[in-house]
Amino acid sequence: MKARVTVTLKAGVLDPQGQAIQGSLKSLGFAGVGAVRQGKVFDLVLEETDRTAAETALKAMCDRLLANTVIENYAIEIIG
């Protein structure tokens, strides 16, 4: 089973890397970009075949390692 976890900063958390990317895009001529928020994506291949068990395991992985839940949100997508 494949899964994708997307981790993003919570609203209100400063994103200096996103601001730097926005500035670079503007200097490259992409003036229409109002804001940039950066995040991270994890693609995982799980041996688990039960969807509910896989979701439970993925939530535990995010809570314990993949995301800093104080300042980040995460979304889990089971791909197949």
N, C-alpha and C. Protein backbone atom coordinates (compact mmCIF):
# COMPACT_ATOMS: atom_id res chain seq x y z
N MET A 1 0.85 -1.17 0.00
CA MET A 1 0.00 0.00 0.00
C MET A 1 0.90 1.24 0.00
N LYS A 2 0.53 2.22 -0.80
CA LYS A 2 1.29 3.46 -0.87
C LYS A 2 0.52 4.57 -0.17
N ALA A 3 1.27 5.49 0.42
CA ALA A 3 0.66 6.62 1.11
C ALA A 3 1.50 7.86 0.88
N ARG A 4 0.83 9.00 0.97
CA ARG A 4 1.53 10.28 0.88
C ARG A 4 1.12 11.11 2.09
N VAL A 5 2.12 11.65 2.77
CA VAL A 5 1.90 12.53 3.92
C VAL A 5 2.41 13.91 3.52
N THR A 6 1.55 14.91 3.63
CA THR A 6 1.93 16.29 3.34
C THR A 6 1.93 17.07 4.64
N VAL A 7 3.06 17.70 4.95
CA VAL A 7 3.24 18.44 6.19
C VAL A 7 3.39 19.92 5.83
N THR A 8 2.58 20.77 6.46
CA THR A 8 2.64 22.21 6.22
C THR A 8 2.64 22.95 7.55
N LEU A 9 3.15 24.15 7.52
CA LEU A 9 3.14 24.99 8.71
C LEU A 9 1.71 25.43 9.03
N LYS A 10 1.39 25.51 10.30
CA LYS A 10 0.08 26.01 10.70
C LYS A 10 -0.04 27.49 10.37
N ALA A 11 -1.28 27.93 10.18
CA ALA A 11 -1.53 29.35 9.92
C ALA A 11 -1.00 30.16 11.10
N GLY A 12 -0.37 31.27 10.80
CA GLY A 12 0.17 32.13 11.84
C GLY A 12 1.61 31.84 12.20
N VAL A 13 2.16 30.72 11.75
CA VAL A 13 3.56 30.39 12.01
C VAL A 13 4.39 31.04 10.90
N LEU A 14 5.39 31.80 11.27
CA LEU A 14 6.24 32.46 10.29
C LEU A 14 6.94 31.43 9.41
N ASP A 15 7.08 31.77 8.13
CA ASP A 15 7.70 30.87 7.16
C ASP A 15 8.80 31.63 6.40
N PRO A 16 9.98 31.79 7.02
CA PRO A 16 11.04 32.55 6.35
C PRO A 16 11.49 31.93 5.03
N GLN A 17 11.46 30.61 4.94
CA GLN A 17 11.86 29.97 3.68
C GLN A 17 10.84 30.29 2.59
N GLY A 18 9.57 30.25 2.93
CA GLY A 18 8.54 30.62 1.97
C GLY A 18 8.68 32.06 1.52
N GLN A 19 9.01 32.95 2.46
CA GLN A 19 9.22 34.36 2.11
C GLN A 19 10.42 34.53 1.19
N ALA A 20 11.49 33.78 1.44
CA ALA A 20 12.67 33.84 0.57
C ALA A 20 12.34 33.35 -0.83
N ILE A 21 11.55 32.29 -0.92
CA ILE A 21 11.15 31.76 -2.23
C ILE A 21 10.29 32.78 -2.96
N GLN A 22 9.37 33.41 -2.24
CA GLN A 22 8.53 34.44 -2.84
C GLN A 22 9.37 35.59 -3.40
N GLY A 23 10.35 36.03 -2.61
CA GLY A 23 11.24 37.10 -3.07
C GLY A 23 12.03 36.69 -4.30
N SER A 24 12.51 35.46 -4.32
CA SER A 24 13.27 34.97 -5.48
C SER A 24 12.38 34.89 -6.72
N LEU A 25 11.16 34.42 -6.54
CA LEU A 25 10.24 34.36 -7.67
C LEU A 25 9.98 35.76 -8.24
N LYS A 26 9.80 36.72 -7.34
CA LYS A 26 9.57 38.09 -7.78
C LYS A 26 10.78 38.62 -8.55
N SER A 27 11.99 38.35 -8.05
CA SER A 27 13.19 38.82 -8.74
C SER A 27 13.41 38.12 -10.08
N LEU A 28 12.80 36.96 -10.26
CA LEU A 28 12.88 36.25 -11.54
C LEU A 28 11.77 36.68 -12.50
N GLY A 29 10.94 37.64 -12.06
CA GLY A 29 9.91 38.15 -12.95
C GLY A 29 8.53 37.58 -12.72
N PHE A 30 8.35 36.75 -11.72
CA PHE A 30 7.04 36.18 -11.41
C PHE A 30 6.35 37.05 -10.36
N ALA A 31 5.90 38.22 -10.79
CA ALA A 31 5.37 39.22 -9.86
C ALA A 31 3.98 38.88 -9.34
N GLY A 32 3.27 37.97 -9.96
CA GLY A 32 1.90 37.67 -9.58
C GLY A 32 1.75 36.71 -8.41
N VAL A 33 2.84 36.34 -7.75
CA VAL A 33 2.77 35.41 -6.62
C VAL A 33 2.59 36.22 -5.34
N GLY A 34 1.44 36.06 -4.69
CA GLY A 34 1.13 36.84 -3.50
C GLY A 34 1.80 36.33 -2.24
N ALA A 35 1.91 35.02 -2.09
CA ALA A 35 2.50 34.43 -0.89
C ALA A 35 2.96 33.01 -1.21
N VAL A 36 3.96 32.57 -0.50
CA VAL A 36 4.46 31.19 -0.65
C VAL A 36 4.60 30.60 0.74
N ARG A 37 4.08 29.40 0.92
CA ARG A 37 4.27 28.63 2.15
C ARG A 37 4.93 27.33 1.74
N GLN A 38 6.04 26.99 2.33
CA GLN A 38 6.73 25.76 1.98
C GLN A 38 6.32 24.65 2.94
N GLY A 39 6.47 23.43 2.47
CA GLY A 39 6.14 22.27 3.29
C GLY A 39 7.01 21.10 2.87
N LYS A 40 6.58 19.92 3.25
CA LYS A 40 7.33 18.72 2.87
C LYS A 40 6.35 17.60 2.58
N VAL A 41 6.77 16.71 1.69
CA VAL A 41 5.94 15.58 1.28
C VAL A 41 6.73 14.30 1.50
N PHE A 42 6.07 13.32 2.10
CA PHE A 42 6.67 12.00 2.31
C PHE A 42 5.85 10.98 1.54
N ASP A 43 6.48 10.22 0.67
CA ASP A 43 5.84 9.10 -0.01
C ASP A 43 6.33 7.83 0.66
N LEU A 44 5.39 7.03 1.15
CA LEU A 44 5.75 5.82 1.88
C LEU A 44 5.13 4.60 1.22
N VAL A 45 5.84 3.50 1.26
CA VAL A 45 5.30 2.21 0.83
C VAL A 45 5.17 1.37 2.09
N LEU A 46 3.94 0.97 2.37
CA LEU A 46 3.65 0.21 3.59
C LEU A 46 3.35 -1.24 3.25
N GLU A 47 3.77 -2.13 4.12
CA GLU A 47 3.45 -3.54 3.94
C GLU A 47 2.05 -3.85 4.42
N GLU A 48 1.46 -2.94 5.18
CA GLU A 48 0.12 -3.12 5.72
C GLU A 48 -0.91 -3.21 4.59
N THR A 49 -1.86 -4.13 4.71
CA THR A 49 -2.90 -4.27 3.69
C THR A 49 -4.25 -3.74 4.17
N ASP A 50 -4.40 -3.55 5.47
CA ASP A 50 -5.64 -3.03 6.03
C ASP A 50 -5.59 -1.50 6.06
N ARG A 51 -6.53 -0.85 5.40
CA ARG A 51 -6.52 0.61 5.26
C ARG A 51 -6.61 1.30 6.62
N THR A 52 -7.47 0.83 7.50
CA THR A 52 -7.63 1.45 8.81
C THR A 52 -6.36 1.32 9.64
N ALA A 53 -5.74 0.16 9.61
CA ALA A 53 -4.48 -0.04 10.34
C ALA A 53 -3.39 0.84 9.76
N ALA A 54 -3.37 0.99 8.44
CA ALA A 54 -2.37 1.83 7.79
C ALA A 54 -2.55 3.29 8.21
N GLU A 55 -3.78 3.78 8.23
CA GLU A 55 -4.05 5.15 8.64
C GLU A 55 -3.64 5.38 10.10
N THR A 56 -3.92 4.41 10.95
CA THR A 56 -3.53 4.51 12.36
C THR A 56 -2.01 4.58 12.49
N ALA A 57 -1.31 3.73 11.75
CA ALA A 57 0.15 3.73 11.79
C ALA A 57 0.71 5.04 11.25
N LEU A 58 0.14 5.55 10.16
CA LEU A 58 0.61 6.80 9.57
C LEU A 58 0.40 7.97 10.53
N LYS A 59 -0.73 8.01 11.21
CA LYS A 59 -0.97 9.08 12.19
C LYS A 59 0.08 9.02 13.30
N ALA A 60 0.40 7.83 13.75
CA ALA A 60 1.42 7.67 14.79
C ALA A 60 2.78 8.13 14.27
N MET A 61 3.11 7.79 13.03
CA MET A 61 4.38 8.23 12.44
C MET A 61 4.46 9.75 12.38
N CYS A 62 3.36 10.38 11.99
CA CYS A 62 3.33 11.84 11.90
C CYS A 62 3.46 12.47 13.28
N ASP A 63 2.71 11.96 14.24
CA ASP A 63 2.73 12.52 15.59
C ASP A 63 4.08 12.35 16.27
N ARG A 64 4.78 11.26 15.94
CA ARG A 64 6.03 10.96 16.64
C ARG A 64 7.29 11.41 15.90
N LEU A 65 7.21 11.58 14.57
CA LEU A 65 8.44 11.87 13.83
C LEU A 65 8.26 12.82 12.65
N LEU A 66 7.32 12.55 11.78
CA LEU A 66 7.26 13.26 10.51
C LEU A 66 6.84 14.71 10.62
N ALA A 67 6.04 15.04 11.63
CA ALA A 67 5.56 16.42 11.79
C ALA A 67 5.80 16.91 13.20
N ASN A 68 6.11 18.17 13.31
CA ASN A 68 6.17 18.83 14.62
C ASN A 68 4.78 19.42 14.84
N THR A 69 3.94 18.68 15.54
CA THR A 69 2.53 19.04 15.64
C THR A 69 2.26 20.33 16.42
N VAL A 70 3.28 20.89 17.04
CA VAL A 70 3.12 22.19 17.69
C VAL A 70 2.97 23.28 16.64
N ILE A 71 3.74 23.18 15.55
CA ILE A 71 3.73 24.23 14.53
C ILE A 71 3.33 23.73 13.14
N GLU A 72 3.09 22.42 12.97
CA GLU A 72 2.79 21.88 11.65
C GLU A 72 1.49 21.07 11.67
N ASN A 73 0.80 21.11 10.54
CA ASN A 73 -0.34 20.24 10.27
C ASN A 73 0.12 19.16 9.30
N TYR A 74 -0.63 18.07 9.26
CA TYR A 74 -0.32 17.05 8.26
C TYR A 74 -1.60 16.49 7.68
N ALA A 75 -1.48 16.02 6.44
CA ALA A 75 -2.59 15.37 5.76
C ALA A 75 -2.09 14.03 5.23
N ILE A 76 -2.90 13.02 5.42
CA ILE A 76 -2.55 11.66 5.00
C ILE A 76 -3.44 11.26 3.83
N GLU A 77 -2.81 10.70 2.81
CA GLU A 77 -3.55 10.21 1.64
C GLU A 77 -3.09 8.79 1.34
N ILE A 78 -4.02 7.86 1.35
CA ILE A 78 -3.71 6.49 0.94
C ILE A 78 -3.87 6.43 -0.57
N ILE A 79 -2.79 6.06 -1.27
CA ILE A 79 -2.80 6.10 -2.73
C ILE A 79 -3.23 4.76 -3.31
N GLY A 80 -2.84 3.70 -2.72
CA GLY A 80 -3.23 2.41 -3.29
C GLY A 80 -2.82 1.25 -2.43
